Every structure is written in structure tokens, then in C-alpha cells.
């Protein structure tokens, strides 16, 4: 495949390495310094775009790719308030769009484990649920897209919770029952990504976690998604790729 990289930071470079190892060609490496180079690419020169840029750039990038008719795999987070607009444009154009907050196979299995645990805890509101996510200091959005996906999985299965929150002011007082799932976001060092979900009562704590050792799992998943997207039309995600 001829793959265009939109965003050429650490993730873009990791994706490039995996794509080349799997026999693909990189037809462009675009960041803020050379975005004008996009116009030099012919429409048929790109089989798929893999977009890992920034919350400030992603929506303009996606609109551009949709106008060009390019299939897009997007892993940038922090922009989902405009997701409905982007998906509508994809369907209108008849192109293809694949979004995931996290492309790691392990994380997506963790998403399913998280939902299963929430179903088990459905009838035990004495357990307070909370989350912690830890990432490198260069990550701009907080909480992470992965943490939001985990929170949404909890909200779908815990009737006594109806929102997630990040501010200290929203944290429950001891013994209180709040409607919020509190997410603590920590930025330190060069951490690829750690996510912890915990249910705690006065007598014990149940905890599950996913710890990424490096970016390779995210990069492999993004390239596999681009391969899977070839020849398809519509809006897709990891559940489509992995099977419900």
C-alpha cells in the first residue's frame, strides 16, 4: 500500500517503521513544517492516510483527506466534539474512516475486560469507581482518549454513574455517593501509557490495569487498521476489525 503519514512525531516514526517492515511504501511524511506538500500528491497516489497529529490539527487534516477521497485511519484524540461532522462528511463523500482512541490489541481487549467488570459491579454501588491514566509529558490532551473510552464503557454498565470528571472539586467525599467517575491524569517522564480502573469499598479494592511498555503495539494496530480499511467505505472502529 501507499501510505501517507499525517503527523510525524514519535508515533508517526513508529508507524513508519512497522509499515515498511510489512512491505508498504510511505509516500509522504507531513507535519506542521511541510503541510503544503500535501497539495503536490495526486489523489490516486495515496491508498491510506494514517493520522496521528495533534488536537489542534486533526479536524482540518480529516476534512482535507475526506475532500481528496482518501481513506483515513485516525488515532489523534482530544477532538471528538466534532466527530459527528467528520463521520457525516465521510458518508456523504463515500470514503472510508477508521477511528480508535487506542490501536493496541491489548488495550482493546482491556476495554472489553473493563465492560465485563462493570457488569459484575452493577449491583454493588458501595464500591466507588475511579480511574488513573499516566502518559508522557508531551501528551497534550487530558484525560487521554483511552481513559475516556474506558469511562464510557463503565457508564454504559453502572446505572448510578452518569458522567466522568477530572477536577479535584468533583471527587467524592469519603462515604459519599457521587454520579461521577473521577479520572486522574498524570503526566511524567516518557510513559507510553498506563491506565488503571479501580472499584474500592471500605473493606477492599478491585483493580485492573493496562501498562504499555512501548509504542510498538499502537503502531502495529494502526497499520493493520489501514490494511483492513482498503477497499471499504464507511465509518469503522476496532470492534469492526476485531469482531464484536
C-alpha atoms as a PDB file:
ATOM      1  CA  UNK A   1       0.000   0.000   0.000  1.00  0.00           C
ATOM      2  CA  UNK A   2       0.986   3.633  -0.492  1.00  0.00           C
ATOM      3  CA  UNK A   3       0.613   5.200   2.959  1.00  0.00           C
ATOM      4  CA  UNK A   4       0.647   8.900   3.798  1.00  0.00           C
ATOM      5  CA  UNK A   5       1.639   9.826   7.342  1.00  0.00           C
ATOM      6  CA  UNK A   6      -0.108  12.911   8.701  1.00  0.00           C
ATOM      7  CA  UNK A   7       1.815  13.724  11.858  1.00  0.00           C
ATOM      8  CA  UNK A   8       5.446  12.702  12.070  1.00  0.00           C
ATOM      9  CA  UNK A   9       6.240  12.704  15.754  1.00  0.00           C
ATOM     10  CA  UNK A  10       7.184   9.688  17.830  1.00  0.00           C
ATOM     11  CA  UNK A  11       4.057   7.766  16.844  1.00  0.00           C
ATOM     12  CA  UNK A  12       4.441   8.672  13.181  1.00  0.00           C
ATOM     13  CA  UNK A  13       8.004   7.378  13.165  1.00  0.00           C
ATOM     14  CA  UNK A  14       6.980   4.164  14.939  1.00  0.00           C
ATOM     15  CA  UNK A  15       4.177   3.636  12.401  1.00  0.00           C
ATOM     16  CA  UNK A  16       6.606   4.256   9.541  1.00  0.00           C
ATOM     17  CA  UNK A  17       8.941   1.537  10.813  1.00  0.00           C
ATOM     18  CA  UNK A  18       6.142  -1.021  11.105  1.00  0.00           C
ATOM     19  CA  UNK A  19       4.656  -0.089   7.711  1.00  0.00           C
ATOM     20  CA  UNK A  20       7.996  -0.517   5.962  1.00  0.00           C
ATOM     21  CA  UNK A  21       8.580  -3.842   7.711  1.00  0.00           C
ATOM     22  CA  UNK A  22       5.209  -5.025   6.394  1.00  0.00           C
ATOM     23  CA  UNK A  23       6.127  -4.123   2.814  1.00  0.00           C
ATOM     24  CA  UNK A  24       4.285  -0.807   2.410  1.00  0.00           C
ATOM     25  CA  UNK A  25       5.511   2.433   0.852  1.00  0.00           C
ATOM     26  CA  UNK A  26       5.491   5.795   2.623  1.00  0.00           C
ATOM     27  CA  UNK A  27       4.522   8.433   0.053  1.00  0.00           C
ATOM     28  CA  UNK A  28       4.590  11.394   2.427  1.00  0.00           C
ATOM     29  CA  UNK A  29       5.585  12.408   5.921  1.00  0.00           C
ATOM     30  CA  UNK A  30       3.642  15.537   6.834  1.00  0.00           C
ATOM     31  CA  UNK A  31       3.919  17.712   9.917  1.00  0.00           C
ATOM     32  CA  UNK A  32       3.359  21.396  10.655  1.00  0.00           C
ATOM     33  CA  UNK A  33       6.525  22.364   8.789  1.00  0.00           C
ATOM     34  CA  UNK A  34       5.609  20.898   5.389  1.00  0.00           C
ATOM     35  CA  UNK A  35       1.820  20.660   5.265  1.00  0.00           C
ATOM     36  CA  UNK A  36       1.807  22.467   1.910  1.00  0.00           C
ATOM     37  CA  UNK A  37       3.395  19.347   0.383  1.00  0.00           C
ATOM     38  CA  UNK A  38       0.001  17.643   0.567  1.00  0.00           C
ATOM     39  CA  UNK A  39      -1.213  19.525  -2.488  1.00  0.00           C
ATOM     40  CA  UNK A  40       1.576  18.021  -4.589  1.00  0.00           C
ATOM     41  CA  UNK A  41       0.245  14.481  -4.086  1.00  0.00           C
ATOM     42  CA  UNK A  42      -2.107  13.073  -6.710  1.00  0.00           C
ATOM     43  CA  UNK A  43      -5.420  11.699  -5.474  1.00  0.00           C
ATOM     44  CA  UNK A  44      -4.511   8.194  -6.652  1.00  0.00           C
ATOM     45  CA  UNK A  45      -1.029   8.318  -5.092  1.00  0.00           C
ATOM     46  CA  UNK A  46      -2.417   7.512  -1.632  1.00  0.00           C
ATOM     47  CA  UNK A  47      -4.085   4.241  -0.642  1.00  0.00           C
ATOM     48  CA  UNK A  48      -4.479   5.179   3.015  1.00  0.00           C
ATOM     49  CA  UNK A  49      -3.660   8.012   5.392  1.00  0.00           C
ATOM     50  CA  UNK A  50      -2.580   7.310   8.957  1.00  0.00           C
ATOM     51  CA  UNK A  51      -3.275  10.425  11.014  1.00  0.00           C
ATOM     52  CA  UNK A  52      -1.534  10.921  14.366  1.00  0.00           C
ATOM     53  CA  UNK A  53      -1.120  14.685  14.681  1.00  0.00           C
ATOM     54  CA  UNK A  54      -2.480  16.964  17.426  1.00  0.00           C
ATOM     55  CA  UNK A  55      -5.893  18.042  18.726  1.00  0.00           C
ATOM     56  CA  UNK A  56      -5.329  21.438  17.084  1.00  0.00           C
ATOM     57  CA  UNK A  57      -4.611  19.993  13.605  1.00  0.00           C
ATOM     58  CA  UNK A  58      -6.648  16.831  13.362  1.00  0.00           C
ATOM     59  CA  UNK A  59     -10.030  18.185  12.227  1.00  0.00           C
ATOM     60  CA  UNK A  60      -8.524  20.231   9.388  1.00  0.00           C
ATOM     61  CA  UNK A  61      -6.449  17.203   8.401  1.00  0.00           C
ATOM     62  CA  UNK A  62      -9.504  14.955   8.308  1.00  0.00           C
ATOM     63  CA  UNK A  63     -11.563  17.442   6.304  1.00  0.00           C
ATOM     64  CA  UNK A  64      -8.736  17.695   3.775  1.00  0.00           C
ATOM     65  CA  UNK A  65      -8.414  13.923   3.406  1.00  0.00           C
ATOM     66  CA  UNK A  66     -12.168  13.490   3.010  1.00  0.00           C
ATOM     67  CA  UNK A  67     -12.215  16.108   0.238  1.00  0.00           C
ATOM     68  CA  UNK A  68      -9.426  14.213  -1.531  1.00  0.00           C
ATOM     69  CA  UNK A  69     -11.285  10.911  -1.159  1.00  0.00           C
ATOM     70  CA  UNK A  70      -8.524   9.296   0.872  1.00  0.00           C
ATOM     71  CA  UNK A  71      -9.229   6.517   3.356  1.00  0.00           C
ATOM     72  CA  UNK A  72      -8.121   7.674   6.798  1.00  0.00           C
ATOM     73  CA  UNK A  73      -7.010   5.834   9.917  1.00  0.00           C
ATOM     74  CA  UNK A  74      -7.066   8.360  12.769  1.00  0.00           C
ATOM     75  CA  UNK A  75      -5.516   7.922  16.197  1.00  0.00           C
ATOM     76  CA  UNK A  76      -5.435  11.544  17.361  1.00  0.00           C
ATOM     77  CA  UNK A  77      -7.548  12.193  20.447  1.00  0.00           C
ATOM     78  CA  UNK A  78      -8.994  15.334  22.009  1.00  0.00           C
ATOM     79  CA  UNK A  79     -11.288  16.361  19.121  1.00  0.00           C
ATOM     80  CA  UNK A  80     -14.379  14.167  19.436  1.00  0.00           C
ATOM     81  CA  UNK A  81     -16.782  17.079  19.817  1.00  0.00           C
ATOM     82  CA  UNK A  82     -16.602  17.278  16.003  1.00  0.00           C
ATOM     83  CA  UNK A  83     -16.733  13.563  15.346  1.00  0.00           C
ATOM     84  CA  UNK A  84     -20.355  13.650  14.131  1.00  0.00           C
ATOM     85  CA  UNK A  85     -19.458  16.248  11.487  1.00  0.00           C
ATOM     86  CA  UNK A  86     -16.483  14.235  10.241  1.00  0.00           C
ATOM     87  CA  UNK A  87     -18.383  10.957  10.065  1.00  0.00           C
ATOM     88  CA  UNK A  88     -21.258  12.625   8.179  1.00  0.00           C
ATOM     89  CA  UNK A  89     -18.781  14.025   5.649  1.00  0.00           C
ATOM     90  CA  UNK A  90     -17.230  10.569   5.188  1.00  0.00           C
ATOM     91  CA  UNK A  91     -20.614   9.002   4.468  1.00  0.00           C
ATOM     92  CA  UNK A  92     -21.591  11.822   2.108  1.00  0.00           C
ATOM     93  CA  UNK A  93     -18.318  11.502   0.183  1.00  0.00           C
ATOM     94  CA  UNK A  94     -18.466   7.686   0.144  1.00  0.00           C
ATOM     95  CA  UNK A  95     -14.974   7.417   1.564  1.00  0.00           C
ATOM     96  CA  UNK A  96     -13.599   5.411   4.493  1.00  0.00           C
ATOM     97  CA  UNK A  97     -12.730   6.466   8.033  1.00  0.00           C
ATOM     98  CA  UNK A  98     -11.365   4.392  10.900  1.00  0.00           C
ATOM     99  CA  UNK A  99     -11.061   5.889  14.379  1.00  0.00           C
ATOM    100  CA  UNK A 100      -9.821   4.399  17.623  1.00  0.00           C
ATOM    101  CA  UNK A 101      -8.732   6.080  20.804  1.00  0.00           C
ATOM    102  CA  UNK A 102      -6.115   3.330  21.071  1.00  0.00           C
ATOM    103  CA  UNK A 103      -4.886   0.889  18.407  1.00  0.00           C
ATOM    104  CA  UNK A 104      -3.179  -1.573  20.740  1.00  0.00           C
ATOM    105  CA  UNK A 105      -4.753  -5.028  20.572  1.00  0.00           C
ATOM    106  CA  UNK A 106      -4.052  -5.413  24.296  1.00  0.00           C
ATOM    107  CA  UNK A 107      -5.822  -2.169  25.128  1.00  0.00           C
ATOM    108  CA  UNK A 108      -8.859  -3.168  23.101  1.00  0.00           C
ATOM    109  CA  UNK A 109      -9.021  -6.457  24.998  1.00  0.00           C
ATOM    110  CA  UNK A 110      -8.724  -4.338  28.150  1.00  0.00           C
ATOM    111  CA  UNK A 111     -11.732  -2.286  27.001  1.00  0.00           C
ATOM    112  CA  UNK A 112     -13.773  -5.496  26.920  1.00  0.00           C
ATOM    113  CA  UNK A 113     -12.470  -6.635  30.308  1.00  0.00           C
ATOM    114  CA  UNK A 114     -13.408  -3.216  31.719  1.00  0.00           C
ATOM    115  CA  UNK A 115     -17.001  -3.557  30.492  1.00  0.00           C
ATOM    116  CA  UNK A 116     -17.245  -7.085  31.892  1.00  0.00           C
ATOM    117  CA  UNK A 117     -16.009  -5.971  35.303  1.00  0.00           C
ATOM    118  CA  UNK A 118     -18.502  -3.082  35.288  1.00  0.00           C
ATOM    119  CA  UNK A 119     -21.328  -5.540  34.611  1.00  0.00           C
ATOM    120  CA  UNK A 120     -20.209  -7.596  37.610  1.00  0.00           C
ATOM    121  CA  UNK A 121     -20.184  -4.459  39.789  1.00  0.00           C
ATOM    122  CA  UNK A 122     -23.597  -3.285  38.564  1.00  0.00           C
ATOM    123  CA  UNK A 123     -25.399  -4.306  41.762  1.00  0.00           C
ATOM    124  CA  UNK A 124     -22.704  -3.191  44.223  1.00  0.00           C
ATOM    125  CA  UNK A 125     -22.875   0.638  44.448  1.00  0.00           C
ATOM    126  CA  UNK A 126     -20.934   0.580  47.743  1.00  0.00           C
ATOM    127  CA  UNK A 127     -17.823   0.264  45.564  1.00  0.00           C
ATOM    128  CA  UNK A 128     -16.646   3.658  44.334  1.00  0.00           C
ATOM    129  CA  UNK A 129     -15.171   3.533  40.846  1.00  0.00           C
ATOM    130  CA  UNK A 130     -12.275   5.747  39.797  1.00  0.00           C
ATOM    131  CA  UNK A 131      -9.533   5.786  37.187  1.00  0.00           C
ATOM    132  CA  UNK A 132      -5.929   6.900  36.752  1.00  0.00           C
ATOM    133  CA  UNK A 133      -4.120   7.417  33.466  1.00  0.00           C
ATOM    134  CA  UNK A 134      -0.398   8.167  33.155  1.00  0.00           C
ATOM    135  CA  UNK A 135       1.306   9.407  29.972  1.00  0.00           C
ATOM    136  CA  UNK A 136       4.458  11.169  28.827  1.00  0.00           C
ATOM    137  CA  UNK A 137       4.738  14.902  29.341  1.00  0.00           C
ATOM    138  CA  UNK A 138       4.342  15.668  25.606  1.00  0.00           C
ATOM    139  CA  UNK A 139       0.759  14.376  25.531  1.00  0.00           C
ATOM    140  CA  UNK A 140      -1.469  17.431  25.227  1.00  0.00           C
ATOM    141  CA  UNK A 141      -4.984  16.138  25.932  1.00  0.00           C
ATOM    142  CA  UNK A 142      -6.137  15.063  29.362  1.00  0.00           C
ATOM    143  CA  UNK A 143      -7.770  12.786  30.120  1.00  0.00           C
ATOM    144  CA  UNK A 144      -6.479  10.509  27.395  1.00  0.00           C
ATOM    145  CA  UNK A 145      -8.800   9.232  24.696  1.00  0.00           C
ATOM    146  CA  UNK A 146      -8.238   5.738  26.056  1.00  0.00           C
ATOM    147  CA  UNK A 147      -9.354   6.852  29.521  1.00  0.00           C
ATOM    148  CA  UNK A 148     -12.499   8.401  28.064  1.00  0.00           C
ATOM    149  CA  UNK A 149     -13.283   5.171  26.197  1.00  0.00           C
ATOM    150  CA  UNK A 150     -12.841   3.238  29.449  1.00  0.00           C
ATOM    151  CA  UNK A 151     -15.100   5.708  31.270  1.00  0.00           C
ATOM    152  CA  UNK A 152     -17.777   5.355  28.583  1.00  0.00           C
ATOM    153  CA  UNK A 153     -17.631   1.576  28.982  1.00  0.00           C
ATOM    154  CA  UNK A 154     -18.198   1.981  32.707  1.00  0.00           C
ATOM    155  CA  UNK A 155     -21.036   4.461  32.267  1.00  0.00           C
ATOM    156  CA  UNK A 156     -22.844   2.057  29.935  1.00  0.00           C
ATOM    157  CA  UNK A 157     -22.934  -0.551  32.706  1.00  0.00           C
ATOM    158  CA  UNK A 158     -23.146   1.360  36.005  1.00  0.00           C
ATOM    159  CA  UNK A 159     -26.605   2.949  36.436  1.00  0.00           C
ATOM    160  CA  UNK A 160     -25.544   5.000  39.465  1.00  0.00           C
ATOM    161  CA  UNK A 161     -22.937   6.871  37.370  1.00  0.00           C
ATOM    162  CA  UNK A 162     -23.835   9.269  34.592  1.00  0.00           C
ATOM    163  CA  UNK A 163     -20.687  11.281  33.818  1.00  0.00           C
ATOM    164  CA  UNK A 164     -16.922  11.337  34.095  1.00  0.00           C
ATOM    165  CA  UNK A 165     -14.994  14.171  35.721  1.00  0.00           C
ATOM    166  CA  UNK A 166     -11.386  15.259  36.079  1.00  0.00           C
ATOM    167  CA  UNK A 167     -11.411  18.164  38.526  1.00  0.00           C
ATOM    168  CA  UNK A 168     -10.463  17.773  42.165  1.00  0.00           C
ATOM    169  CA  UNK A 169     -13.711  19.535  43.071  1.00  0.00           C
ATOM    170  CA  UNK A 170     -15.706  16.686  41.575  1.00  0.00           C
ATOM    171  CA  UNK A 171     -14.048  13.980  43.647  1.00  0.00           C
ATOM    172  CA  UNK A 172     -16.408  12.216  46.084  1.00  0.00           C
ATOM    173  CA  UNK A 173     -16.037  12.880  49.775  1.00  0.00           C
ATOM    174  CA  UNK A 174     -15.361   9.824  51.928  1.00  0.00           C
ATOM    175  CA  UNK A 175     -18.545   7.807  52.241  1.00  0.00           C
ATOM    176  CA  UNK A 176     -20.367   9.979  49.709  1.00  0.00           C
ATOM    177  CA  UNK A 177     -22.047   8.628  46.579  1.00  0.00           C
ATOM    178  CA  UNK A 178     -21.448  10.756  43.512  1.00  0.00           C
ATOM    179  CA  UNK A 179     -22.682  10.408  39.971  1.00  0.00           C
ATOM    180  CA  UNK A 180     -19.185  10.961  38.541  1.00  0.00           C
ATOM    181  CA  UNK A 181     -16.380   8.615  37.576  1.00  0.00           C
ATOM    182  CA  UNK A 182     -13.276  10.579  38.526  1.00  0.00           C
ATOM    183  CA  UNK A 183     -10.252  10.348  36.223  1.00  0.00           C
ATOM    184  CA  UNK A 184      -6.824  11.365  37.498  1.00  0.00           C
ATOM    185  CA  UNK A 185      -4.483  12.385  34.666  1.00  0.00           C
ATOM    186  CA  UNK A 186      -0.753  12.252  35.379  1.00  0.00           C
ATOM    187  CA  UNK A 187       1.979  13.468  33.005  1.00  0.00           C
ATOM    188  CA  UNK A 188       5.502  12.310  33.729  1.00  0.00           C
ATOM    189  CA  UNK A 189       8.672  11.162  32.003  1.00  0.00           C
ATOM    190  CA  UNK A 190       8.372   9.156  28.806  1.00  0.00           C
ATOM    191  CA  UNK A 191       5.495   6.873  29.808  1.00  0.00           C
ATOM    192  CA  UNK A 192       3.819   5.344  26.684  1.00  0.00           C
ATOM    193  CA  UNK A 193       0.548   4.806  28.530  1.00  0.00           C
ATOM    194  CA  UNK A 194      -0.782   3.319  31.770  1.00  0.00           C
ATOM    195  CA  UNK A 195      -4.488   3.003  32.627  1.00  0.00           C
ATOM    196  CA  UNK A 196      -5.939   1.782  35.916  1.00  0.00           C
ATOM    197  CA  UNK A 197      -9.602   1.183  36.776  1.00  0.00           C
ATOM    198  CA  UNK A 198     -10.425   0.559  40.431  1.00  0.00           C
ATOM    199  CA  UNK A 199     -13.519  -0.255  42.477  1.00  0.00           C
ATOM    200  CA  UNK A 200     -12.986   0.475  46.152  1.00  0.00           C
ATOM    201  CA  UNK A 201     -15.130  -0.068  49.238  1.00  0.00           C
ATOM    202  CA  UNK A 202     -14.423   0.320  52.938  1.00  0.00           C
ATOM    203  CA  UNK A 203     -13.161  -3.258  53.121  1.00  0.00           C
ATOM    204  CA  UNK A 204     -11.322  -3.955  49.855  1.00  0.00           C
ATOM    205  CA  UNK A 205     -10.332  -2.850  46.367  1.00  0.00           C
ATOM    206  CA  UNK A 206     -10.680  -4.479  42.959  1.00  0.00           C
ATOM    207  CA  UNK A 207      -8.291  -3.139  40.335  1.00  0.00           C
ATOM    208  CA  UNK A 208      -7.431  -3.835  36.708  1.00  0.00           C
ATOM    209  CA  UNK A 209      -4.686  -2.130  34.723  1.00  0.00           C
ATOM    210  CA  UNK A 210      -3.022  -1.983  31.335  1.00  0.00           C
ATOM    211  CA  UNK A 211       0.623  -0.880  31.075  1.00  0.00           C
ATOM    212  CA  UNK A 212       2.169  -0.232  27.655  1.00  0.00           C
ATOM    213  CA  UNK A 213       5.911  -0.961  27.544  1.00  0.00           C
ATOM    214  CA  UNK A 214       6.473   0.927  24.276  1.00  0.00           C
ATOM    215  CA  UNK A 215       4.640   2.399  21.256  1.00  0.00           C
ATOM    216  CA  UNK A 216       5.020  -0.654  19.046  1.00  0.00           C
ATOM    217  CA  UNK A 217       1.613  -2.118  19.916  1.00  0.00           C
ATOM    218  CA  UNK A 218      -0.117   1.136  18.943  1.00  0.00           C
ATOM    219  CA  UNK A 219       1.842   1.357  15.681  1.00  0.00           C
ATOM    220  CA  UNK A 220       1.135  -2.238  14.626  1.00  0.00           C
ATOM    221  CA  UNK A 221      -2.574  -1.779  15.257  1.00  0.00           C
ATOM    222  CA  UNK A 222      -2.718   1.408  13.182  1.00  0.00           C
ATOM    223  CA  UNK A 223      -1.009  -0.236  10.202  1.00  0.00           C
ATOM    224  CA  UNK A 224      -3.230  -3.319  10.465  1.00  0.00           C
ATOM    225  CA  UNK A 225      -6.268  -0.998  10.511  1.00  0.00           C
ATOM    226  CA  UNK A 226      -5.042   0.689   7.313  1.00  0.00           C
ATOM    227  CA  UNK A 227      -4.631  -2.714   5.657  1.00  0.00           C
ATOM    228  CA  UNK A 228      -8.110  -3.764   6.789  1.00  0.00           C
ATOM    229  CA  UNK A 229      -9.681  -0.496   5.585  1.00  0.00           C
ATOM    230  CA  UNK A 230      -8.518  -0.993   1.977  1.00  0.00           C
ATOM    231  CA  UNK A 231     -11.496  -1.248  -0.394  1.00  0.00           C
ATOM    232  CA  UNK A 232     -14.097  -0.418   2.253  1.00  0.00           C
ATOM    233  CA  UNK A 233     -16.463   2.520   2.532  1.00  0.00           C
ATOM    234  CA  UNK A 234     -17.968   3.899   5.713  1.00  0.00           C
ATOM    235  CA  UNK A 235     -17.068   4.584   9.336  1.00  0.00           C
ATOM    236  CA  UNK A 236     -15.299   1.908  11.354  1.00  0.00           C
ATOM    237  CA  UNK A 237     -13.508   1.192  14.614  1.00  0.00           C
ATOM    238  CA  UNK A 238     -11.598  -1.524  16.428  1.00  0.00           C
ATOM    239  CA  UNK A 239     -14.729  -3.562  17.157  1.00  0.00           C
ATOM    240  CA  UNK A 240     -15.228  -3.898  13.394  1.00  0.00           C
ATOM    241  CA  UNK A 241     -11.634  -5.005  12.899  1.00  0.00           C
ATOM    242  CA  UNK A 242     -11.532  -7.425  15.840  1.00  0.00           C
ATOM    243  CA  UNK A 243     -15.157  -8.578  15.641  1.00  0.00           C
ATOM    244  CA  UNK A 244     -17.672  -7.886  18.392  1.00  0.00           C
END
